[in-house]
Amino acid sequence: RDLGAWPDRSFDAVLAFGPFYHLIEPADRQLAAAEVHRVLRPEGLLLAAVQPRLSGLRGIVERAQFAPDHVVPRTLRRVADEGVFLNESPTGFQEGWYPTLDEVDELFTHSGLHKLAFESLRGLMAGREASFMALEEANPAAFAQAMVLLDATAALPSVLDLGDHAVWVGQAAAL
């Protein structure tokens, strides 16, 4: 949230692959996004990773099975309604923010960045990576076509929602 160690317009690019997952308070996310924008040079790029709401909810439902002390019914409801996970136990991953796609766009565009792309990192094969990679050897032609389709569908809202991790790419305005 505080990039005060660096002056304004210090970087051509900022990689935020993790911090936004853990900022459950809107004010903290807004501050972090504003700081990212502040340290970007004109036309600088932000690549920010998020775990969209439905992917996060799916993960928390799965966690309820193997760590039931971390997840109680109200936890699931809060993740579904607000995108906020608070662990009910003092052990394990403690909190997370799982935004809607619109919340991600709003956060970064409100901070002054222009969206260039928003795509799933794992795509429509999220959770099926082993069988997908086995396809490369079993049927190279089908694998090549599947790679084209994987890339072509990475920005679809349905794929973003359930494709696990996603990256939002934005750019600071030119001077």
C-alpha atoms as a PDB file:
ATOM      1  CA  ARG A   1       0.000   0.000   0.000  1.00  0.00           C
ATOM      2  CA  ASP A   2       2.911   2.319   0.614  1.00  0.00           C
ATOM      3  CA  LEU A   3       5.480   2.713  -2.142  1.00  0.00           C
ATOM      4  CA  GLY A   4       6.872   5.856  -0.494  1.00  0.00           C
ATOM      5  CA  ALA A   5      10.430   4.560  -0.846  1.00  0.00           C
ATOM      6  CA  TRP A   6      10.186   5.410  -4.546  1.00  0.00           C
ATOM      7  CA  PRO A   7       9.568   8.835  -6.052  1.00  0.00           C
ATOM      8  CA  ASP A   8       6.810   9.605  -8.532  1.00  0.00           C
ATOM      9  CA  ARG A   9       7.271   8.161 -12.020  1.00  0.00           C
ATOM     10  CA  SER A  10      10.035   5.734 -11.040  1.00  0.00           C
ATOM     11  CA  PHE A  11       9.091   2.674 -13.080  1.00  0.00           C
ATOM     12  CA  ASP A  12       8.230   1.657 -16.622  1.00  0.00           C
ATOM     13  CA  ALA A  13       6.256  -1.284 -15.236  1.00  0.00           C
ATOM     14  CA  VAL A  14       4.881  -2.588 -11.958  1.00  0.00           C
ATOM     15  CA  LEU A  15       4.154  -6.254 -11.322  1.00  0.00           C
ATOM     16  CA  ALA A  16       1.575  -6.712  -8.564  1.00  0.00           C
ATOM     17  CA  PHE A  17       1.343 -10.488  -8.418  1.00  0.00           C
ATOM     18  CA  GLY A  18      -0.016 -11.061  -4.959  1.00  0.00           C
ATOM     19  CA  PRO A  19      -0.720  -7.967  -2.903  1.00  0.00           C
ATOM     20  CA  PHE A  20      -4.263  -7.350  -4.111  1.00  0.00           C
ATOM     21  CA  TYR A  21      -5.235 -10.900  -3.068  1.00  0.00           C
ATOM     22  CA  HIS A  22      -4.791  -9.915   0.568  1.00  0.00           C
ATOM     23  CA  LEU A  23      -6.234  -6.412   0.739  1.00  0.00           C
ATOM     24  CA  ILE A  24      -9.716  -7.063   2.073  1.00  0.00           C
ATOM     25  CA  GLU A  25     -10.497  -3.430   2.905  1.00  0.00           C
ATOM     26  CA  PRO A  26     -11.555  -1.225  -0.039  1.00  0.00           C
ATOM     27  CA  ALA A  27      -9.525   1.733   1.258  1.00  0.00           C
ATOM     28  CA  ASP A  28      -6.374  -0.413   1.333  1.00  0.00           C
ATOM     29  CA  ARG A  29      -6.917  -1.568  -2.256  1.00  0.00           C
ATOM     30  CA  GLN A  30      -7.563   1.996  -3.418  1.00  0.00           C
ATOM     31  CA  LEU A  31      -4.421   3.238  -1.688  1.00  0.00           C
ATOM     32  CA  ALA A  32      -2.325   0.453  -3.220  1.00  0.00           C
ATOM     33  CA  ALA A  33      -3.717   1.122  -6.711  1.00  0.00           C
ATOM     34  CA  ALA A  34      -3.088   4.862  -6.340  1.00  0.00           C
ATOM     35  CA  GLU A  35       0.487   4.185  -5.225  1.00  0.00           C
ATOM     36  CA  VAL A  36       1.073   1.937  -8.226  1.00  0.00           C
ATOM     37  CA  HIS A  37      -0.195   4.676 -10.515  1.00  0.00           C
ATOM     38  CA  ARG A  38       1.970   7.285  -8.764  1.00  0.00           C
ATOM     39  CA  VAL A  39       5.215   5.357  -9.297  1.00  0.00           C
ATOM     40  CA  LEU A  40       4.502   4.532 -12.948  1.00  0.00           C
ATOM     41  CA  ARG A  41       6.090   6.673 -15.625  1.00  0.00           C
ATOM     42  CA  PRO A  42       3.819   8.055 -18.360  1.00  0.00           C
ATOM     43  CA  GLU A  43       2.685   5.126 -20.494  1.00  0.00           C
ATOM     44  CA  GLY A  44       4.041   2.739 -17.841  1.00  0.00           C
ATOM     45  CA  LEU A  45       2.365  -0.636 -17.444  1.00  0.00           C
ATOM     46  CA  LEU A  46       0.715  -2.367 -14.519  1.00  0.00           C
ATOM     47  CA  LEU A  47       0.294  -6.132 -14.497  1.00  0.00           C
ATOM     48  CA  ALA A  48      -1.866  -7.044 -11.516  1.00  0.00           C
ATOM     49  CA  ALA A  49      -2.900 -10.572 -10.617  1.00  0.00           C
ATOM     50  CA  VAL A  50      -6.287 -11.251  -9.043  1.00  0.00           C
ATOM     51  CA  GLN A  51      -8.389 -14.286  -8.300  1.00  0.00           C
ATOM     52  CA  PRO A  52     -11.902 -13.521  -9.530  1.00  0.00           C
ATOM     53  CA  ARG A  53     -14.925 -14.024  -7.295  1.00  0.00           C
ATOM     54  CA  LEU A  54     -16.214 -17.343  -8.630  1.00  0.00           C
ATOM     55  CA  SER A  55     -12.754 -18.895  -8.715  1.00  0.00           C
ATOM     56  CA  GLY A  56     -12.153 -17.743  -5.164  1.00  0.00           C
ATOM     57  CA  LEU A  57     -15.488 -19.072  -3.996  1.00  0.00           C
ATOM     58  CA  ARG A  58     -14.786 -22.420  -5.660  1.00  0.00           C
ATOM     59  CA  GLY A  59     -11.439 -22.579  -3.831  1.00  0.00           C
ATOM     60  CA  ILE A  60     -13.008 -21.723  -0.475  1.00  0.00           C
ATOM     61  CA  VAL A  61     -15.696 -24.388  -0.957  1.00  0.00           C
ATOM     62  CA  GLU A  62     -12.899 -26.886  -1.636  1.00  0.00           C
ATOM     63  CA  ARG A  63     -11.011 -25.639   1.421  1.00  0.00           C
ATOM     64  CA  ALA A  64     -14.108 -26.257   3.570  1.00  0.00           C
ATOM     65  CA  GLN A  65     -13.641 -29.966   2.843  1.00  0.00           C
ATOM     66  CA  PHE A  66      -9.964 -30.283   3.819  1.00  0.00           C
ATOM     67  CA  ALA A  67      -9.840 -27.510   6.476  1.00  0.00           C
ATOM     68  CA  PRO A  68     -13.345 -27.254   7.964  1.00  0.00           C
ATOM     69  CA  ASP A  69     -12.115 -25.146  10.887  1.00  0.00           C
ATOM     70  CA  HIS A  70     -11.157 -22.420   8.377  1.00  0.00           C
ATOM     71  CA  VAL A  71     -14.551 -22.215   6.683  1.00  0.00           C
ATOM     72  CA  VAL A  72     -17.986 -22.021   8.250  1.00  0.00           C
ATOM     73  CA  PRO A  73     -21.274 -21.323   6.421  1.00  0.00           C
ATOM     74  CA  ARG A  74     -21.105 -17.559   7.035  1.00  0.00           C
ATOM     75  CA  THR A  75     -17.609 -17.594   5.493  1.00  0.00           C
ATOM     76  CA  LEU A  76     -18.976 -19.019   2.255  1.00  0.00           C
ATOM     77  CA  ARG A  77     -21.810 -16.480   2.185  1.00  0.00           C
ATOM     78  CA  ARG A  78     -19.389 -13.576   2.709  1.00  0.00           C
ATOM     79  CA  VAL A  79     -17.122 -14.755  -0.091  1.00  0.00           C
ATOM     80  CA  ALA A  80     -20.136 -15.120  -2.399  1.00  0.00           C
ATOM     81  CA  ASP A  81     -21.633 -11.738  -1.489  1.00  0.00           C
ATOM     82  CA  GLU A  82     -18.605  -9.533  -0.801  1.00  0.00           C
ATOM     83  CA  GLY A  83     -15.605 -11.421  -2.158  1.00  0.00           C
ATOM     84  CA  VAL A  84     -13.944 -11.328   1.267  1.00  0.00           C
ATOM     85  CA  PHE A  85     -12.525 -14.421   2.976  1.00  0.00           C
ATOM     86  CA  LEU A  86     -11.666 -14.348   6.663  1.00  0.00           C
ATOM     87  CA  ASN A  87     -10.254 -17.572   8.069  1.00  0.00           C
ATOM     88  CA  GLU A  88     -12.137 -18.822  11.143  1.00  0.00           C
ATOM     89  CA  SER A  89      -8.970 -20.502  12.457  1.00  0.00           C
ATOM     90  CA  PRO A  90      -5.637 -19.017  13.619  1.00  0.00           C
ATOM     91  CA  THR A  91      -3.790 -21.369  11.223  1.00  0.00           C
ATOM     92  CA  GLY A  92      -3.491 -21.340   7.441  1.00  0.00           C
ATOM     93  CA  PHE A  93      -4.006 -18.658   4.823  1.00  0.00           C
ATOM     94  CA  GLN A  94      -5.811 -15.917   6.738  1.00  0.00           C
ATOM     95  CA  GLU A  95      -7.675 -13.640   4.354  1.00  0.00           C
ATOM     96  CA  GLY A  96      -8.361 -12.995   0.723  1.00  0.00           C
ATOM     97  CA  TRP A  97     -10.152 -10.689  -1.676  1.00  0.00           C
ATOM     98  CA  TYR A  98     -11.994 -12.237  -4.610  1.00  0.00           C
ATOM     99  CA  PRO A  99     -13.374  -9.407  -6.749  1.00  0.00           C
ATOM    100  CA  THR A 100     -15.946  -9.365  -9.484  1.00  0.00           C
ATOM    101  CA  LEU A 101     -14.567  -8.484 -12.898  1.00  0.00           C
ATOM    102  CA  ASP A 102     -16.223  -5.060 -12.679  1.00  0.00           C
ATOM    103  CA  GLU A 103     -14.622  -4.419  -9.273  1.00  0.00           C
ATOM    104  CA  VAL A 104     -11.183  -5.055 -10.752  1.00  0.00           C
ATOM    105  CA  ASP A 105     -11.815  -2.708 -13.676  1.00  0.00           C
ATOM    106  CA  GLU A 106     -13.202  -0.032 -11.359  1.00  0.00           C
ATOM    107  CA  LEU A 107     -10.295  -0.268  -8.906  1.00  0.00           C
ATOM    108  CA  PHE A 108      -7.589   0.273 -11.485  1.00  0.00           C
ATOM    109  CA  THR A 109      -9.373   2.672 -13.816  1.00  0.00           C
ATOM    110  CA  HIS A 110     -10.413   4.805 -10.827  1.00  0.00           C
ATOM    111  CA  SER A 111      -6.725   5.082  -9.917  1.00  0.00           C
ATOM    112  CA  GLY A 112      -6.074   6.586 -13.359  1.00  0.00           C
ATOM    113  CA  LEU A 113      -4.981   3.608 -15.423  1.00  0.00           C
ATOM    114  CA  HIS A 114      -6.355   2.639 -18.822  1.00  0.00           C
ATOM    115  CA  LYS A 115      -7.182  -1.050 -19.288  1.00  0.00           C
ATOM    116  CA  LEU A 116      -5.285  -2.786 -22.079  1.00  0.00           C
ATOM    117  CA  ALA A 117      -6.225  -6.389 -21.272  1.00  0.00           C
ATOM    118  CA  PHE A 118      -7.792  -8.596 -18.630  1.00  0.00           C
ATOM    119  CA  GLU A 119      -7.187 -12.295 -19.176  1.00  0.00           C
ATOM    120  CA  SER A 120      -7.231 -15.596 -17.363  1.00  0.00           C
ATOM    121  CA  LEU A 121      -3.781 -17.015 -16.697  1.00  0.00           C
ATOM    122  CA  ARG A 122      -4.973 -20.620 -16.690  1.00  0.00           C
ATOM    123  CA  GLY A 123      -7.890 -20.250 -19.037  1.00  0.00           C
ATOM    124  CA  LEU A 124     -10.635 -22.700 -19.743  1.00  0.00           C
ATOM    125  CA  MET A 125      -8.316 -25.573 -18.806  1.00  0.00           C
ATOM    126  CA  ALA A 126      -7.958 -24.395 -15.175  1.00  0.00           C
ATOM    127  CA  GLY A 127      -7.919 -27.482 -13.008  1.00  0.00           C
ATOM    128  CA  ARG A 128      -7.288 -29.735 -15.988  1.00  0.00           C
ATOM    129  CA  GLU A 129      -3.700 -28.825 -16.768  1.00  0.00           C
ATOM    130  CA  ALA A 130      -2.292 -32.363 -16.509  1.00  0.00           C
ATOM    131  CA  SER A 131      -4.656 -33.806 -19.104  1.00  0.00           C
ATOM    132  CA  PHE A 132      -4.189 -30.751 -21.295  1.00  0.00           C
ATOM    133  CA  MET A 133      -0.409 -31.096 -21.257  1.00  0.00           C
ATOM    134  CA  ALA A 134      -0.715 -34.841 -21.952  1.00  0.00           C
ATOM    135  CA  LEU A 135      -2.611 -33.915 -25.119  1.00  0.00           C
ATOM    136  CA  GLU A 136       0.580 -32.395 -26.539  1.00  0.00           C
ATOM    137  CA  GLU A 137       2.181 -35.823 -26.869  1.00  0.00           C
ATOM    138  CA  ALA A 138      -0.985 -37.827 -27.525  1.00  0.00           C
ATOM    139  CA  ASN A 139      -2.370 -35.606 -30.283  1.00  0.00           C
ATOM    140  CA  PRO A 140      -0.080 -32.720 -31.291  1.00  0.00           C
ATOM    141  CA  ALA A 141      -2.481 -31.319 -33.890  1.00  0.00           C
ATOM    142  CA  ALA A 142      -5.351 -31.177 -31.389  1.00  0.00           C
ATOM    143  CA  PHE A 143      -3.008 -29.649 -28.812  1.00  0.00           C
ATOM    144  CA  ALA A 144      -1.962 -26.910 -31.258  1.00  0.00           C
ATOM    145  CA  GLN A 145      -5.602 -26.065 -31.996  1.00  0.00           C
ATOM    146  CA  ALA A 146      -6.451 -26.193 -28.280  1.00  0.00           C
ATOM    147  CA  MET A 147      -3.654 -23.689 -27.580  1.00  0.00           C
ATOM    148  CA  VAL A 148      -5.188 -21.324 -30.137  1.00  0.00           C
ATOM    149  CA  LEU A 149      -8.598 -21.725 -28.474  1.00  0.00           C
ATOM    150  CA  LEU A 150      -7.120 -21.301 -25.006  1.00  0.00           C
ATOM    151  CA  ASP A 151      -5.605 -17.986 -26.049  1.00  0.00           C
ATOM    152  CA  ALA A 152      -8.723 -16.873 -27.942  1.00  0.00           C
ATOM    153  CA  THR A 153     -11.000 -17.456 -24.938  1.00  0.00           C
ATOM    154  CA  ALA A 154      -8.762 -16.090 -22.137  1.00  0.00           C
ATOM    155  CA  ALA A 155     -10.587 -12.734 -21.966  1.00  0.00           C
ATOM    156  CA  LEU A 156     -14.138 -14.106 -21.988  1.00  0.00           C
ATOM    157  CA  PRO A 157     -15.921 -13.133 -18.761  1.00  0.00           C
ATOM    158  CA  SER A 158     -16.985 -16.735 -18.111  1.00  0.00           C
ATOM    159  CA  VAL A 159     -13.395 -17.939 -18.467  1.00  0.00           C
ATOM    160  CA  LEU A 160     -12.069 -15.092 -16.325  1.00  0.00           C
ATOM    161  CA  ASP A 161     -14.611 -15.889 -13.602  1.00  0.00           C
ATOM    162  CA  LEU A 162     -13.703 -19.581 -13.359  1.00  0.00           C
ATOM    163  CA  GLY A 163     -10.170 -19.655 -14.772  1.00  0.00           C
ATOM    164  CA  ASP A 164      -8.547 -19.238 -11.353  1.00  0.00           C
ATOM    165  CA  HIS A 165      -5.923 -16.496 -11.523  1.00  0.00           C
ATOM    166  CA  ALA A 166      -6.210 -13.594 -13.929  1.00  0.00           C
ATOM    167  CA  VAL A 167      -4.032 -10.645 -14.847  1.00  0.00           C
ATOM    168  CA  TRP A 168      -5.269  -7.096 -15.411  1.00  0.00           C
ATOM    169  CA  VAL A 169      -2.960  -5.053 -17.652  1.00  0.00           C
ATOM    170  CA  GLY A 170      -3.246  -1.286 -17.587  1.00  0.00           C
ATOM    171  CA  GLN A 171      -1.306   1.726 -18.727  1.00  0.00           C
ATOM    172  CA  ALA A 172      -0.672   5.143 -17.228  1.00  0.00           C
ATOM    173  CA  ALA A 173      -1.591   8.094 -19.413  1.00  0.00           C
ATOM    174  CA  ALA A 174       0.998   9.775 -21.604  1.00  0.00           C
ATOM    175  CA  LEU A 175       2.151  13.248 -20.639  1.00  0.00           C
END
